[in-house]
Amino acid sequence: MGCLSRCEDCPGMAVTLALHEDKTYTLTRESLSGHNEVETLKGKLRFTDESKQKIELVNVATRNLLYVDLDKQLLEIRQDQSGKSYQMQSDFLLGKLS
């Protein structure tokens, strides 16, 4: 899954996330401002609800809560602590890469 709004002139962060069948993940975050190195994190994930639509990336300090929409094949990064959608929700959607 990768960021849907990944643009060259975007001052934000490009995110690529791979979820693996063994309940692990590989997360790559790239500051598009060029001020930071590319960060790659690997670890375990856990479902936080019975429907398996809410995921927590273990050992990721911030922006580690995700909501899964299987119908649209999207992941939404949710707010830390509350798990609620960000006000600019479209900036926090990850779409499936081919």
N, C-alpha and C. Protein backbone atom coordinates (compact mmCIF):
# COMPACT_ATOMS: atom_id res chain seq x y z
N MET A 1 0.84 -1.16 0.00
CA MET A 1 0.00 0.00 0.00
C MET A 1 0.90 1.24 0.00
N GLY A 2 0.51 2.24 -0.73
CA GLY A 2 1.30 3.46 -0.80
C GLY A 2 0.40 4.68 -0.76
N CYS A 3 0.99 5.82 -0.45
CA CYS A 3 0.25 7.08 -0.31
C CYS A 3 -0.41 7.46 -1.64
N LEU A 4 -1.69 7.81 -1.60
CA LEU A 4 -2.42 8.19 -2.82
C LEU A 4 -2.06 9.59 -3.28
N SER A 5 -1.60 10.44 -2.38
CA SER A 5 -1.31 11.82 -2.74
C SER A 5 0.20 12.08 -2.81
N ARG A 6 0.94 11.11 -3.31
CA ARG A 6 2.40 11.24 -3.40
C ARG A 6 2.73 12.11 -4.62
N CYS A 7 3.08 13.35 -4.35
CA CYS A 7 3.36 14.32 -5.41
C CYS A 7 4.77 14.89 -5.22
N GLU A 8 5.44 15.22 -6.33
CA GLU A 8 6.79 15.74 -6.23
C GLU A 8 6.86 17.03 -5.43
N ASP A 9 5.87 17.90 -5.57
CA ASP A 9 5.91 19.18 -4.87
C ASP A 9 5.26 19.13 -3.49
N CYS A 10 4.92 17.95 -3.01
CA CYS A 10 4.29 17.79 -1.70
C CYS A 10 5.32 18.00 -0.60
N PRO A 11 5.04 18.87 0.36
CA PRO A 11 5.98 19.11 1.45
C PRO A 11 5.86 18.08 2.57
N GLY A 12 4.99 17.10 2.41
CA GLY A 12 4.71 16.15 3.48
C GLY A 12 5.59 14.92 3.48
N MET A 13 4.97 13.79 3.69
CA MET A 13 5.66 12.53 3.88
C MET A 13 5.08 11.49 2.91
N ALA A 14 5.95 10.78 2.22
CA ALA A 14 5.52 9.66 1.38
C ALA A 14 5.63 8.39 2.22
N VAL A 15 4.60 7.56 2.15
CA VAL A 15 4.53 6.37 2.99
C VAL A 15 4.26 5.15 2.11
N THR A 16 5.03 4.10 2.34
CA THR A 16 4.77 2.81 1.71
C THR A 16 4.68 1.79 2.84
N LEU A 17 3.64 0.98 2.81
CA LEU A 17 3.41 0.00 3.87
C LEU A 17 3.09 -1.35 3.25
N ALA A 18 3.82 -2.37 3.64
CA ALA A 18 3.54 -3.75 3.22
C ALA A 18 3.08 -4.53 4.44
N LEU A 19 1.90 -5.15 4.34
CA LEU A 19 1.38 -6.02 5.39
C LEU A 19 1.58 -7.45 4.93
N HIS A 20 2.19 -8.26 5.78
CA HIS A 20 2.53 -9.63 5.42
C HIS A 20 1.60 -10.62 6.10
N GLU A 21 1.44 -11.80 5.49
CA GLU A 21 0.51 -12.81 6.00
C GLU A 21 0.87 -13.29 7.41
N ASP A 22 2.13 -13.18 7.80
CA ASP A 22 2.54 -13.64 9.13
C ASP A 22 2.33 -12.57 10.20
N LYS A 23 1.47 -11.60 9.92
CA LYS A 23 1.13 -10.50 10.83
C LYS A 23 2.35 -9.64 11.17
N THR A 24 3.16 -9.37 10.15
CA THR A 24 4.26 -8.43 10.27
C THR A 24 4.08 -7.35 9.20
N TYR A 25 4.87 -6.30 9.30
CA TYR A 25 4.77 -5.20 8.35
C TYR A 25 6.16 -4.68 8.02
N THR A 26 6.23 -3.97 6.89
CA THR A 26 7.40 -3.18 6.52
C THR A 26 6.86 -1.80 6.16
N LEU A 27 7.30 -0.79 6.91
CA LEU A 27 6.84 0.58 6.74
C LEU A 27 8.02 1.44 6.31
N THR A 28 7.85 2.15 5.20
CA THR A 28 8.89 3.08 4.73
C THR A 28 8.29 4.47 4.69
N ARG A 29 8.97 5.40 5.36
CA ARG A 29 8.51 6.80 5.38
C ARG A 29 9.63 7.67 4.84
N GLU A 30 9.24 8.56 3.92
CA GLU A 30 10.21 9.44 3.27
C GLU A 30 9.73 10.89 3.39
N SER A 31 10.54 11.72 4.02
CA SER A 31 10.23 13.14 4.11
C SER A 31 10.46 13.76 2.75
N LEU A 32 9.42 14.31 2.18
CA LEU A 32 9.53 14.88 0.84
C LEU A 32 10.19 16.25 0.83
N SER A 33 10.44 16.78 2.02
CA SER A 33 11.16 18.06 2.09
C SER A 33 12.66 17.83 1.95
N GLY A 34 13.09 16.57 2.07
CA GLY A 34 14.51 16.24 1.93
C GLY A 34 15.32 16.48 3.18
N HIS A 35 14.69 16.83 4.29
CA HIS A 35 15.41 17.14 5.52
C HIS A 35 15.81 15.90 6.31
N ASN A 36 15.15 14.78 6.08
CA ASN A 36 15.42 13.56 6.85
C ASN A 36 15.74 12.40 5.92
N GLU A 37 16.43 11.42 6.47
CA GLU A 37 16.72 10.19 5.73
C GLU A 37 15.43 9.38 5.59
N VAL A 38 15.40 8.49 4.60
CA VAL A 38 14.29 7.55 4.46
C VAL A 38 14.34 6.60 5.66
N GLU A 39 13.18 6.38 6.27
CA GLU A 39 13.09 5.54 7.46
C GLU A 39 12.33 4.26 7.10
N THR A 40 12.92 3.10 7.41
CA THR A 40 12.24 1.83 7.19
C THR A 40 12.10 1.11 8.53
N LEU A 41 10.86 0.76 8.85
CA LEU A 41 10.56 0.08 10.11
C LEU A 41 9.93 -1.26 9.79
N LYS A 42 10.28 -2.27 10.57
CA LYS A 42 9.69 -3.60 10.43
C LYS A 42 9.26 -4.07 11.80
N GLY A 43 8.18 -4.82 11.83
CA GLY A 43 7.72 -5.33 13.12
C GLY A 43 6.44 -6.11 12.98
N LYS A 44 5.81 -6.35 14.12
CA LYS A 44 4.56 -7.09 14.17
C LYS A 44 3.39 -6.13 14.15
N LEU A 45 2.26 -6.61 13.66
CA LEU A 45 1.02 -5.85 13.70
C LEU A 45 0.01 -6.64 14.50
N ARG A 46 -0.95 -5.91 15.06
CA ARG A 46 -2.03 -6.61 15.77
C ARG A 46 -3.35 -5.94 15.44
N PHE A 47 -4.38 -6.78 15.37
CA PHE A 47 -5.73 -6.28 15.15
C PHE A 47 -6.28 -5.84 16.50
N THR A 48 -6.95 -4.70 16.53
CA THR A 48 -7.47 -4.17 17.79
C THR A 48 -8.98 -4.28 17.90
N ASP A 49 -9.60 -4.97 16.95
CA ASP A 49 -11.04 -5.20 17.02
C ASP A 49 -11.35 -6.57 16.41
N GLU A 50 -12.54 -7.09 16.72
CA GLU A 50 -12.92 -8.43 16.26
C GLU A 50 -13.12 -8.50 14.75
N SER A 51 -13.54 -7.41 14.13
CA SER A 51 -13.79 -7.42 12.68
C SER A 51 -12.49 -7.34 11.88
N LYS A 52 -11.37 -7.14 12.56
CA LYS A 52 -10.04 -7.04 11.93
C LYS A 52 -9.97 -5.91 10.92
N GLN A 53 -10.61 -4.79 11.27
CA GLN A 53 -10.53 -3.58 10.43
C GLN A 53 -9.64 -2.53 11.05
N LYS A 54 -9.25 -2.72 12.30
CA LYS A 54 -8.38 -1.76 12.98
C LYS A 54 -7.07 -2.46 13.32
N ILE A 55 -5.97 -1.82 12.89
CA ILE A 55 -4.64 -2.42 13.03
C ILE A 55 -3.74 -1.45 13.80
N GLU A 56 -2.91 -2.01 14.65
CA GLU A 56 -1.86 -1.25 15.31
C GLU A 56 -0.51 -1.79 14.86
N LEU A 57 0.37 -0.91 14.43
CA LEU A 57 1.73 -1.29 14.08
C LEU A 57 2.56 -1.22 15.35
N VAL A 58 2.97 -2.38 15.85
CA VAL A 58 3.71 -2.45 17.10
C VAL A 58 5.10 -1.86 16.90
N ASN A 59 5.56 -1.10 17.89
CA ASN A 59 6.88 -0.45 17.90
C ASN A 59 7.00 0.73 16.94
N VAL A 60 5.88 1.28 16.49
CA VAL A 60 5.88 2.53 15.73
C VAL A 60 5.31 3.58 16.67
N ALA A 61 6.08 4.63 16.94
CA ALA A 61 5.71 5.59 17.98
C ALA A 61 4.53 6.48 17.62
N THR A 62 4.45 6.94 16.37
CA THR A 62 3.37 7.83 15.98
C THR A 62 2.75 7.37 14.67
N ARG A 63 1.49 7.75 14.50
CA ARG A 63 0.73 7.36 13.30
C ARG A 63 0.82 5.85 13.06
N ASN A 64 0.53 5.11 14.12
CA ASN A 64 0.63 3.66 14.08
C ASN A 64 -0.72 2.95 14.07
N LEU A 65 -1.81 3.73 14.05
CA LEU A 65 -3.15 3.16 14.04
C LEU A 65 -3.74 3.26 12.64
N LEU A 66 -4.27 2.15 12.15
CA LEU A 66 -4.79 2.09 10.78
C LEU A 66 -6.20 1.53 10.78
N TYR A 67 -6.99 1.98 9.81
CA TYR A 67 -8.32 1.42 9.57
C TYR A 67 -8.31 0.81 8.18
N VAL A 68 -8.81 -0.41 8.06
CA VAL A 68 -8.81 -1.14 6.80
C VAL A 68 -10.19 -1.07 6.15
N ASP A 69 -10.24 -0.64 4.88
CA ASP A 69 -11.47 -0.66 4.09
C ASP A 69 -11.24 -1.63 2.94
N LEU A 70 -11.66 -2.89 3.13
CA LEU A 70 -11.40 -3.92 2.12
C LEU A 70 -12.18 -3.67 0.83
N ASP A 71 -13.38 -3.09 0.94
CA ASP A 71 -14.18 -2.83 -0.26
C ASP A 71 -13.46 -1.88 -1.21
N LYS A 72 -12.85 -0.84 -0.66
CA LYS A 72 -12.14 0.15 -1.48
C LYS A 72 -10.64 -0.14 -1.58
N GLN A 73 -10.18 -1.19 -0.89
CA GLN A 73 -8.77 -1.57 -0.83
C GLN A 73 -7.89 -0.39 -0.41
N LEU A 74 -8.29 0.22 0.72
CA LEU A 74 -7.58 1.37 1.28
C LEU A 74 -7.24 1.12 2.73
N LEU A 75 -6.15 1.73 3.17
CA LEU A 75 -5.83 1.83 4.59
C LEU A 75 -5.85 3.30 4.93
N GLU A 76 -6.42 3.62 6.07
CA GLU A 76 -6.45 5.00 6.54
C GLU A 76 -5.61 5.10 7.80
N ILE A 77 -4.65 6.02 7.81
CA ILE A 77 -3.86 6.28 9.01
C ILE A 77 -4.73 7.10 9.94
N ARG A 78 -4.87 6.66 11.19
CA ARG A 78 -5.74 7.34 12.15
C ARG A 78 -4.92 8.10 13.19
N GLN A 79 -5.59 9.01 13.91
CA GLN A 79 -4.95 9.82 14.94
C GLN A 79 -4.43 8.94 16.08
N ASP A 80 -3.25 9.32 16.58
CA ASP A 80 -2.70 8.65 17.75
C ASP A 80 -3.68 8.80 18.91
N GLN A 81 -3.69 7.87 19.80
CA GLN A 81 -4.52 7.85 21.00
C GLN A 81 -6.00 7.61 20.70
N SER A 82 -6.65 8.49 19.95
CA SER A 82 -8.11 8.40 19.76
C SER A 82 -8.51 7.41 18.68
N GLY A 83 -7.66 7.21 17.67
CA GLY A 83 -8.02 6.34 16.56
C GLY A 83 -9.03 6.96 15.61
N LYS A 84 -9.30 8.25 15.75
CA LYS A 84 -10.26 8.93 14.89
C LYS A 84 -9.60 9.38 13.60
N SER A 85 -10.42 9.64 12.58
CA SER A 85 -9.92 10.14 11.31
C SER A 85 -9.33 11.53 11.48
N TYR A 86 -8.31 11.83 10.68
CA TYR A 86 -7.77 13.19 10.63
C TYR A 86 -8.75 14.09 9.89
N GLN A 87 -8.72 15.38 10.18
CA GLN A 87 -9.61 16.33 9.52
C GLN A 87 -9.40 16.30 8.00
N MET A 88 -8.17 16.26 7.56
CA MET A 88 -7.85 16.15 6.13
C MET A 88 -7.66 14.68 5.79
N GLN A 89 -8.71 13.89 5.95
CA GLN A 89 -8.66 12.44 5.83
C GLN A 89 -8.00 11.97 4.54
N SER A 90 -8.23 12.63 3.44
CA SER A 90 -7.70 12.18 2.15
C SER A 90 -6.18 12.18 2.13
N ASP A 91 -5.54 12.99 2.97
CA ASP A 91 -4.09 13.02 3.04
C ASP A 91 -3.52 11.84 3.81
N PHE A 92 -4.37 11.03 4.43
CA PHE A 92 -3.92 9.93 5.26
C PHE A 92 -4.44 8.58 4.77
N LEU A 93 -4.70 8.50 3.46
CA LEU A 93 -5.15 7.24 2.86
C LEU A 93 -4.00 6.59 2.11
N LEU A 94 -3.90 5.28 2.26
CA LEU A 94 -2.92 4.50 1.51
C LEU A 94 -3.69 3.57 0.60
N GLY A 95 -3.36 3.58 -0.69
CA GLY A 95 -4.03 2.72 -1.66
C GLY A 95 -3.14 1.56 -2.06
N LYS A 96 -3.75 0.52 -2.54
CA LYS A 96 -3.01 -0.68 -2.94
C LYS A 96 -2.18 -0.40 -4.18
N LEU A 97 -0.90 -0.76 -4.11
CA LEU A 97 0.00 -0.63 -5.26
C LEU A 97 -0.07 -1.89 -6.10
N SER A 98 0.13 -1.76 -7.39
CA SER A 98 0.07 -2.95 -8.24
C SER A 98 1.37 -3.70 -8.24
